[in-house]
């Protein structure tokens, strides 16, 4: 079998409430500047500014899917500067991969698997659910693979992948 090496980057869209939260934090940061004249009042605007910066950085994220040989590795890239490994999934022991909401997933929904959402949060109809082992337990992974990624996962386990 050919060596497979594919990478895909998926930009994460933050939930809808985050935009409102960002505006509220910016307004509170500006309003809290009034408290600078009070002793120790400088800490309030500094706290709001730090919270705003962390919120902007946290929701400026991408997921990188790397399919190398028979392993799918998922990393979260925050603000294009820091990388956190989300998990490595061995596709030799893949249980099933199907489109979100598929009838083929009803059996896995009844089981109490831990679920990780590594999708872009855009269109639930384009996401896929992959059930595979990670750290000696089965997990459900929600992701947004492109056509190339889906085809290559299908080549690794054609009987378990439902495209």
N, C-alpha and C. Protein backbone atom coordinates (compact mmCIF):
# COMPACT_ATOMS: atom_id res chain seq x y z
N UNK A 1 0.83 -1.18 0.00
CA UNK A 1 0.00 0.00 0.00
C UNK A 1 0.87 1.24 0.00
N UNK A 2 0.45 2.27 -0.71
CA UNK A 2 1.20 3.51 -0.77
C UNK A 2 1.24 4.19 0.59
N UNK A 3 2.32 4.94 0.80
CA UNK A 3 2.40 5.74 2.01
C UNK A 3 1.45 6.92 1.88
N UNK A 4 0.61 7.12 2.86
CA UNK A 4 -0.37 8.20 2.84
C UNK A 4 0.11 9.30 3.76
N UNK A 5 0.12 10.52 3.26
CA UNK A 5 0.49 11.68 4.06
C UNK A 5 -0.35 12.87 3.58
N UNK A 6 -1.38 13.18 4.33
CA UNK A 6 -2.30 14.26 3.96
C UNK A 6 -2.51 15.17 5.16
N UNK A 7 -2.55 16.46 4.90
CA UNK A 7 -2.87 17.43 5.94
C UNK A 7 -4.01 18.31 5.47
N UNK A 8 -4.85 18.70 6.40
CA UNK A 8 -5.97 19.59 6.10
C UNK A 8 -6.14 20.54 7.27
N UNK A 9 -6.32 21.81 6.96
CA UNK A 9 -6.54 22.83 8.00
C UNK A 9 -7.99 23.30 7.90
N UNK A 10 -8.67 23.33 9.04
CA UNK A 10 -10.07 23.75 9.10
C UNK A 10 -10.17 24.93 10.05
N UNK A 11 -10.63 26.06 9.56
CA UNK A 11 -10.83 27.26 10.38
C UNK A 11 -12.10 27.08 11.20
N UNK A 12 -12.00 27.31 12.50
CA UNK A 12 -13.14 27.13 13.41
C UNK A 12 -13.93 28.42 13.50
N UNK A 13 -15.22 28.31 13.29
CA UNK A 13 -16.12 29.46 13.49
C UNK A 13 -16.59 29.42 14.94
N UNK A 14 -16.42 30.52 15.66
CA UNK A 14 -16.85 30.53 17.06
C UNK A 14 -18.38 30.50 17.16
N UNK A 15 -18.90 30.09 18.30
CA UNK A 15 -20.35 30.11 18.48
C UNK A 15 -20.90 31.54 18.35
N UNK A 16 -22.19 31.66 18.12
CA UNK A 16 -22.80 32.97 17.86
C UNK A 16 -22.71 33.91 19.05
N UNK A 17 -22.76 33.38 20.26
CA UNK A 17 -22.74 34.24 21.43
C UNK A 17 -21.38 34.90 21.66
N UNK A 18 -20.33 34.41 21.03
CA UNK A 18 -18.99 34.94 21.26
C UNK A 18 -18.85 36.36 20.73
N UNK A 19 -19.49 36.66 19.60
CA UNK A 19 -19.42 38.01 19.06
C UNK A 19 -20.00 39.01 20.05
N UNK A 20 -21.13 38.67 20.68
CA UNK A 20 -21.74 39.54 21.69
C UNK A 20 -20.83 39.67 22.90
N UNK A 21 -20.23 38.56 23.31
CA UNK A 21 -19.32 38.58 24.45
C UNK A 21 -18.10 39.44 24.18
N UNK A 22 -17.58 39.41 22.96
CA UNK A 22 -16.44 40.26 22.60
C UNK A 22 -16.81 41.73 22.69
N UNK A 23 -17.97 42.10 22.18
CA UNK A 23 -18.41 43.50 22.24
C UNK A 23 -18.59 43.94 23.68
N UNK A 24 -19.19 43.10 24.52
CA UNK A 24 -19.40 43.44 25.93
C UNK A 24 -18.06 43.64 26.63
N UNK A 25 -17.09 42.78 26.38
CA UNK A 25 -15.79 42.93 27.03
C UNK A 25 -15.05 44.18 26.57
N UNK A 26 -15.19 44.53 25.30
CA UNK A 26 -14.54 45.76 24.81
C UNK A 26 -15.19 46.98 25.46
N UNK A 27 -16.51 47.00 25.55
CA UNK A 27 -17.22 48.13 26.17
C UNK A 27 -16.85 48.22 27.65
N UNK A 28 -16.81 47.09 28.36
CA UNK A 28 -16.43 47.10 29.77
C UNK A 28 -14.99 47.56 29.95
N UNK A 29 -14.11 47.21 29.01
CA UNK A 29 -12.72 47.66 29.09
C UNK A 29 -12.64 49.17 28.99
N UNK A 30 -13.42 49.75 28.08
CA UNK A 30 -13.40 51.21 27.90
C UNK A 30 -14.04 51.90 29.10
N UNK A 31 -15.17 51.39 29.57
CA UNK A 31 -15.86 52.00 30.72
C UNK A 31 -15.02 51.90 31.98
N UNK A 32 -14.28 50.82 32.14
CA UNK A 32 -13.48 50.64 33.35
C UNK A 32 -12.30 51.59 33.44
N UNK A 33 -12.01 52.31 32.36
CA UNK A 33 -10.93 53.31 32.42
C UNK A 33 -11.25 54.43 33.40
N UNK A 34 -12.53 54.62 33.72
CA UNK A 34 -12.95 55.63 34.70
C UNK A 34 -12.38 55.29 36.07
N UNK A 35 -12.19 54.02 36.37
CA UNK A 35 -11.73 53.60 37.68
C UNK A 35 -10.22 53.73 37.87
N UNK A 36 -9.51 54.26 36.90
CA UNK A 36 -8.06 54.42 37.03
C UNK A 36 -7.72 55.43 38.13
N UNK A 37 -8.57 56.43 38.34
CA UNK A 37 -8.28 57.47 39.33
C UNK A 37 -8.40 56.94 40.76
N UNK A 38 -9.11 55.86 40.98
CA UNK A 38 -9.26 55.27 42.30
C UNK A 38 -8.02 54.42 42.60
N UNK A 39 -7.53 54.46 43.85
CA UNK A 39 -6.40 53.58 44.18
C UNK A 39 -6.75 52.11 43.87
N UNK A 40 -5.85 51.43 43.30
CA UNK A 40 -6.01 50.04 42.86
C UNK A 40 -7.07 49.89 41.76
N UNK A 41 -7.58 50.98 41.26
CA UNK A 41 -8.57 50.93 40.19
C UNK A 41 -7.97 50.60 38.84
N UNK A 42 -6.67 50.65 38.73
CA UNK A 42 -6.00 50.34 37.47
C UNK A 42 -6.11 48.84 37.15
N UNK A 43 -6.34 48.03 38.17
CA UNK A 43 -6.40 46.59 37.95
C UNK A 43 -7.67 46.17 37.20
N UNK A 44 -8.75 46.93 37.36
CA UNK A 44 -10.00 46.57 36.68
C UNK A 44 -9.87 46.67 35.16
N UNK A 45 -9.40 47.82 34.59
CA UNK A 45 -9.24 47.84 33.13
C UNK A 45 -8.20 46.84 32.62
N UNK A 46 -7.15 46.63 33.39
CA UNK A 46 -6.14 45.66 32.98
C UNK A 46 -6.76 44.27 32.92
N UNK A 47 -7.59 43.92 33.91
CA UNK A 47 -8.26 42.62 33.92
C UNK A 47 -9.18 42.44 32.73
N UNK A 48 -9.96 43.49 32.40
CA UNK A 48 -10.86 43.39 31.25
C UNK A 48 -10.09 43.28 29.94
N UNK A 49 -9.00 44.02 29.82
CA UNK A 49 -8.20 43.96 28.59
C UNK A 49 -7.58 42.57 28.44
N UNK A 50 -7.07 42.02 29.52
CA UNK A 50 -6.48 40.67 29.46
C UNK A 50 -7.54 39.64 29.10
N UNK A 51 -8.74 39.76 29.70
CA UNK A 51 -9.83 38.82 29.38
C UNK A 51 -10.22 38.94 27.91
N UNK A 52 -10.26 40.17 27.38
CA UNK A 52 -10.60 40.39 25.97
C UNK A 52 -9.55 39.76 25.05
N UNK A 53 -8.29 39.94 25.39
CA UNK A 53 -7.21 39.38 24.57
C UNK A 53 -7.30 37.85 24.56
N UNK A 54 -7.50 37.25 25.73
CA UNK A 54 -7.61 35.79 25.79
C UNK A 54 -8.82 35.28 25.01
N UNK A 55 -9.93 36.00 25.07
CA UNK A 55 -11.12 35.59 24.34
C UNK A 55 -10.88 35.65 22.83
N UNK A 56 -10.25 36.74 22.36
CA UNK A 56 -9.96 36.86 20.93
C UNK A 56 -8.99 35.77 20.48
N UNK A 57 -7.97 35.48 21.29
CA UNK A 57 -7.00 34.46 20.92
C UNK A 57 -7.63 33.06 20.92
N UNK A 58 -8.46 32.77 21.93
CA UNK A 58 -9.03 31.43 22.07
C UNK A 58 -9.95 31.10 20.90
N UNK A 59 -10.71 32.07 20.44
CA UNK A 59 -11.65 31.80 19.35
C UNK A 59 -11.07 32.09 17.97
N UNK A 60 -9.80 32.40 17.87
CA UNK A 60 -9.10 32.48 16.59
C UNK A 60 -8.33 31.18 16.44
N UNK A 61 -9.06 30.13 16.11
CA UNK A 61 -8.46 28.79 16.14
C UNK A 61 -8.69 28.05 14.83
N UNK A 62 -7.84 27.06 14.62
CA UNK A 62 -7.93 26.17 13.47
C UNK A 62 -7.64 24.76 13.95
N UNK A 63 -8.19 23.78 13.26
CA UNK A 63 -7.83 22.38 13.50
C UNK A 63 -7.02 21.89 12.32
N UNK A 64 -5.97 21.15 12.61
CA UNK A 64 -5.17 20.53 11.57
C UNK A 64 -5.35 19.02 11.67
N UNK A 65 -5.88 18.44 10.59
CA UNK A 65 -6.02 16.99 10.50
C UNK A 65 -4.83 16.47 9.71
N UNK A 66 -4.08 15.56 10.28
CA UNK A 66 -2.94 14.94 9.60
C UNK A 66 -3.16 13.44 9.52
N UNK A 67 -3.23 12.93 8.32
CA UNK A 67 -3.37 11.49 8.10
C UNK A 67 -2.03 11.00 7.58
N UNK A 68 -1.29 10.33 8.46
CA UNK A 68 0.03 9.82 8.11
C UNK A 68 0.02 8.32 8.37
N UNK A 69 0.30 7.57 7.30
CA UNK A 69 0.22 6.12 7.34
C UNK A 69 -1.19 5.71 7.75
N UNK A 70 -1.36 5.17 8.93
CA UNK A 70 -2.68 4.70 9.37
C UNK A 70 -3.13 5.42 10.63
N UNK A 71 -2.59 6.61 10.87
CA UNK A 71 -2.94 7.37 12.06
C UNK A 71 -3.47 8.75 11.68
N UNK A 72 -4.56 9.13 12.31
CA UNK A 72 -5.13 10.46 12.15
C UNK A 72 -4.78 11.25 13.39
N UNK A 73 -4.03 12.34 13.18
CA UNK A 73 -3.64 13.21 14.28
C UNK A 73 -4.38 14.53 14.12
N UNK A 74 -4.95 15.01 15.22
CA UNK A 74 -5.68 16.27 15.20
C UNK A 74 -5.01 17.22 16.18
N UNK A 75 -4.64 18.41 15.68
CA UNK A 75 -4.04 19.46 16.49
C UNK A 75 -4.91 20.70 16.44
N UNK A 76 -4.96 21.44 17.54
CA UNK A 76 -5.67 22.72 17.58
C UNK A 76 -4.61 23.82 17.56
N UNK A 77 -4.71 24.72 16.58
CA UNK A 77 -3.77 25.83 16.44
C UNK A 77 -4.50 27.08 16.89
N UNK A 78 -4.00 27.72 17.93
CA UNK A 78 -4.65 28.90 18.50
C UNK A 78 -3.86 30.14 18.07
N UNK A 79 -4.58 31.07 17.42
CA UNK A 79 -4.03 32.35 16.98
C UNK A 79 -2.80 32.18 16.10
N UNK A 80 -2.74 31.10 15.36
CA UNK A 80 -1.65 30.80 14.44
C UNK A 80 -0.28 30.83 15.11
N UNK A 81 -0.25 30.64 16.43
CA UNK A 81 1.03 30.70 17.11
C UNK A 81 1.28 29.51 18.04
N UNK A 82 0.26 29.04 18.71
CA UNK A 82 0.48 27.91 19.62
C UNK A 82 -0.33 26.70 19.15
N UNK A 83 0.23 25.55 19.36
CA UNK A 83 -0.36 24.30 18.88
C UNK A 83 -0.56 23.37 20.07
N UNK A 84 -1.76 22.76 20.11
CA UNK A 84 -2.07 21.79 21.16
C UNK A 84 -2.55 20.51 20.50
N UNK A 85 -1.97 19.41 20.87
CA UNK A 85 -2.34 18.12 20.29
C UNK A 85 -3.65 17.66 20.92
N UNK A 86 -4.64 17.42 20.08
CA UNK A 86 -5.95 16.97 20.56
C UNK A 86 -6.01 15.46 20.67
N UNK A 87 -5.34 14.77 19.78
CA UNK A 87 -5.35 13.32 19.86
C UNK A 87 -4.79 12.65 18.63
N UNK A 88 -4.41 11.40 18.80
CA UNK A 88 -3.95 10.55 17.70
C UNK A 88 -4.84 9.32 17.69
N UNK A 89 -5.40 9.03 16.54
CA UNK A 89 -6.38 7.97 16.41
C UNK A 89 -5.89 6.93 15.41
N UNK A 90 -5.80 5.69 15.85
CA UNK A 90 -5.33 4.59 15.02
C UNK A 90 -6.49 4.11 14.16
N UNK A 91 -6.36 4.25 12.85
CA UNK A 91 -7.44 3.87 11.95
C UNK A 91 -7.48 2.38 11.65
N UNK A 92 -6.50 1.62 12.13
CA UNK A 92 -6.57 0.16 12.02
C UNK A 92 -7.72 -0.37 12.87
N UNK A 93 -8.00 0.32 13.96
CA UNK A 93 -9.05 -0.12 14.88
C UNK A 93 -10.29 0.77 14.78
N UNK A 94 -10.46 1.42 13.63
CA UNK A 94 -11.62 2.25 13.39
C UNK A 94 -12.89 1.41 13.47
N UNK A 95 -13.87 1.88 14.22
CA UNK A 95 -15.12 1.15 14.33
C UNK A 95 -16.08 1.54 13.21
N UNK A 96 -16.26 2.86 12.99
CA UNK A 96 -17.14 3.33 11.92
C UNK A 96 -16.83 4.80 11.64
N UNK A 97 -17.09 5.20 10.40
CA UNK A 97 -17.04 6.60 10.01
C UNK A 97 -18.22 6.84 9.08
N UNK A 98 -19.07 7.78 9.46
CA UNK A 98 -20.26 8.08 8.67
C UNK A 98 -20.63 9.54 8.84
N UNK A 99 -21.48 10.01 7.95
CA UNK A 99 -21.92 11.39 8.01
C UNK A 99 -22.78 11.60 9.26
N UNK A 100 -22.66 12.77 9.83
CA UNK A 100 -23.40 13.10 11.05
C UNK A 100 -24.90 12.92 10.81
N UNK A 101 -25.58 12.23 11.71
CA UNK A 101 -27.01 12.00 11.57
C UNK A 101 -27.36 10.77 10.77
N UNK A 102 -26.38 10.03 10.32
CA UNK A 102 -26.61 8.82 9.52
C UNK A 102 -27.24 7.72 10.37
N UNK A 103 -28.02 6.87 9.73
CA UNK A 103 -28.63 5.73 10.42
C UNK A 103 -27.59 4.74 10.91
N UNK A 104 -26.45 4.72 10.29
CA UNK A 104 -25.40 3.77 10.66
C UNK A 104 -24.75 4.12 12.00
N UNK A 105 -25.02 5.34 12.49
CA UNK A 105 -24.43 5.77 13.76
C UNK A 105 -25.35 5.55 14.96
N UNK A 106 -26.54 5.05 14.74
CA UNK A 106 -27.49 4.90 15.85
C UNK A 106 -26.97 3.95 16.93
N UNK A 107 -26.25 2.92 16.53
CA UNK A 107 -25.68 1.99 17.50
C UNK A 107 -24.63 2.66 18.37
N UNK A 108 -23.81 3.53 17.78
CA UNK A 108 -22.76 4.19 18.56
C UNK A 108 -23.33 5.29 19.45
N UNK A 109 -24.47 5.85 19.08
CA UNK A 109 -25.08 6.90 19.91
C UNK A 109 -25.64 6.31 21.20
N UNK A 110 -26.02 5.03 21.17
CA UNK A 110 -26.55 4.40 22.37
C UNK A 110 -25.45 4.12 23.39
N UNK A 111 -24.25 3.93 22.92
CA UNK A 111 -23.12 3.68 23.82
C UNK A 111 -22.66 5.01 24.41
N UNK A 112 -22.08 4.92 25.55
CA UNK A 112 -21.67 6.13 26.27
C UNK A 112 -20.21 6.48 25.94
N UNK A 113 -19.96 6.83 24.68
CA UNK A 113 -18.62 7.23 24.27
C UNK A 113 -18.40 8.70 24.57
N UNK A 114 -17.16 9.03 24.89
CA UNK A 114 -16.79 10.42 25.04
C UNK A 114 -16.77 11.04 23.63
N UNK A 115 -17.33 12.25 23.48
CA UNK A 115 -17.42 12.89 22.17
C UNK A 115 -16.54 14.13 22.14
N UNK A 116 -15.76 14.26 21.06
CA UNK A 116 -14.90 15.43 20.84
C UNK A 116 -15.32 16.08 19.53
N UNK A 117 -15.58 17.37 19.56
CA UNK A 117 -15.98 18.10 18.36
C UNK A 117 -14.78 18.87 17.82
N UNK A 118 -14.24 18.41 16.72
CA UNK A 118 -13.11 19.06 16.05
C UNK A 118 -13.56 19.58 14.68
N UNK A 119 -14.79 20.04 14.59
CA UNK A 119 -15.32 20.53 13.32
C UNK A 119 -15.22 22.04 13.25
N UNK A 120 -15.61 22.58 12.10
CA UNK A 120 -15.55 24.03 11.88
C UNK A 120 -16.78 24.75 12.41
N UNK A 121 -17.77 24.03 12.87
CA UNK A 121 -19.02 24.61 13.38
C UNK A 121 -19.75 25.42 12.33
N UNK A 122 -19.70 25.00 11.08
CA UNK A 122 -20.38 25.74 10.01
C UNK A 122 -21.66 25.03 9.60
N UNK A 123 -21.52 23.86 9.01
CA UNK A 123 -22.67 23.13 8.49
C UNK A 123 -22.64 21.71 9.03
N UNK A 124 -23.61 21.38 9.86
CA UNK A 124 -23.63 20.06 10.50
C UNK A 124 -23.83 18.95 9.48
N UNK A 125 -24.41 19.28 8.31
CA UNK A 125 -24.64 18.26 7.28
C UNK A 125 -23.36 17.83 6.57
N UNK A 126 -22.30 18.61 6.69
CA UNK A 126 -21.03 18.26 6.05
C UNK A 126 -20.05 17.60 7.01
N UNK A 127 -20.44 17.44 8.26
CA UNK A 127 -19.53 16.85 9.24
C UNK A 127 -19.65 15.34 9.24
N UNK A 128 -18.60 14.69 9.67
CA UNK A 128 -18.55 13.24 9.78
C UNK A 128 -18.21 12.84 11.21
N UNK A 129 -18.71 11.70 11.61
CA UNK A 129 -18.42 11.16 12.92
C UNK A 129 -17.54 9.93 12.73
N UNK A 130 -16.48 9.91 13.47
CA UNK A 130 -15.50 8.82 13.40
C UNK A 130 -15.42 8.21 14.79
N UNK A 131 -15.60 6.94 14.91
CA UNK A 131 -15.49 6.25 16.20
C UNK A 131 -14.23 5.40 16.16
N UNK A 132 -13.29 5.75 17.04
CA UNK A 132 -11.98 5.09 17.03
C UNK A 132 -11.40 5.12 18.45
N UNK A 133 -10.41 4.25 18.71
CA UNK A 133 -9.80 4.26 20.04
C UNK A 133 -8.80 5.41 20.20
N UNK A 134 -8.76 5.94 21.41
CA UNK A 134 -7.77 6.96 21.78
C UNK A 134 -7.49 6.77 23.27
N UNK A 135 -6.24 6.54 23.60
CA UNK A 135 -5.83 6.33 25.00
C UNK A 135 -6.62 5.20 25.66
N UNK A 136 -6.71 4.09 24.99
CA UNK A 136 -7.33 2.86 25.49
C UNK A 136 -8.83 2.98 25.75
N UNK A 137 -9.51 3.95 25.13
CA UNK A 137 -10.97 4.03 25.21
C UNK A 137 -11.50 4.47 23.85
N UNK A 138 -12.73 4.07 23.56
CA UNK A 138 -13.36 4.46 22.30
C UNK A 138 -13.94 5.86 22.44
N UNK A 139 -13.74 6.68 21.41
CA UNK A 139 -14.26 8.05 21.42
C UNK A 139 -14.96 8.33 20.10
N UNK A 140 -15.92 9.24 20.14
CA UNK A 140 -16.59 9.74 18.94
C UNK A 140 -15.95 11.07 18.59
N UNK A 141 -15.50 11.20 17.35
CA UNK A 141 -14.83 12.40 16.89
C UNK A 141 -15.68 13.02 15.79
N UNK A 142 -16.03 14.28 15.97
CA UNK A 142 -16.78 14.99 14.94
C UNK A 142 -15.80 15.89 14.21
N UNK A 143 -15.72 15.72 12.88
CA UNK A 143 -14.76 16.51 12.10
C UNK A 143 -15.31 16.83 10.72
N UNK A 144 -14.61 17.71 10.01
CA UNK A 144 -14.98 18.16 8.66
C UNK A 144 -13.91 17.77 7.66
N UNK A 145 -13.85 16.52 7.25
CA UNK A 145 -12.81 16.15 6.28
C UNK A 145 -13.18 16.60 4.87
N UNK A 146 -12.15 16.95 4.09
CA UNK A 146 -12.41 17.26 2.68
C UNK A 146 -12.46 15.95 1.90
N UNK A 147 -12.70 16.06 0.61
CA UNK A 147 -12.86 14.86 -0.23
C UNK A 147 -11.62 13.97 -0.23
N UNK A 148 -10.44 14.60 -0.31
CA UNK A 148 -9.19 13.84 -0.32
C UNK A 148 -9.02 13.03 0.96
N UNK A 149 -9.32 13.68 2.09
CA UNK A 149 -9.19 13.01 3.38
C UNK A 149 -10.18 11.84 3.48
N UNK A 150 -11.42 12.07 3.06
CA UNK A 150 -12.43 11.00 3.12
C UNK A 150 -12.04 9.82 2.25
N UNK A 151 -11.56 10.10 1.05
CA UNK A 151 -11.17 9.01 0.14
C UNK A 151 -10.03 8.19 0.71
N UNK A 152 -9.05 8.85 1.32
CA UNK A 152 -7.90 8.11 1.85
C UNK A 152 -8.24 7.34 3.11
N UNK A 153 -9.15 7.86 3.92
CA UNK A 153 -9.60 7.07 5.07
C UNK A 153 -10.39 5.87 4.57
N UNK A 154 -11.18 6.05 3.52
CA UNK A 154 -11.93 4.95 2.93
C UNK A 154 -10.98 3.88 2.39
N UNK A 155 -9.85 4.28 1.80
CA UNK A 155 -8.87 3.31 1.30
C UNK A 155 -8.28 2.48 2.43
N UNK A 156 -8.17 3.08 3.61
CA UNK A 156 -7.60 2.35 4.75
C UNK A 156 -8.59 1.36 5.36
N UNK A 157 -9.87 1.71 5.35
CA UNK A 157 -10.88 0.84 5.97
C UNK A 157 -12.19 0.94 5.18
N UNK A 158 -12.25 0.35 4.00
CA UNK A 158 -13.43 0.51 3.14
C UNK A 158 -14.71 -0.06 3.72
N UNK A 159 -14.62 -1.09 4.53
CA UNK A 159 -15.85 -1.69 5.08
C UNK A 159 -16.42 -0.88 6.25
N UNK A 160 -15.62 0.01 6.82
CA UNK A 160 -16.06 0.75 8.00
C UNK A 160 -16.37 2.21 7.70
N UNK A 161 -16.06 2.68 6.50
CA UNK A 161 -16.29 4.08 6.14
C UNK A 161 -17.50 4.15 5.22
N UNK A 162 -18.46 4.98 5.60
CA UNK A 162 -19.67 5.17 4.82
C UNK A 162 -19.66 6.61 4.29
N UNK A 163 -19.38 6.76 3.02
CA UNK A 163 -19.30 8.11 2.44
C UNK A 163 -20.61 8.55 1.93
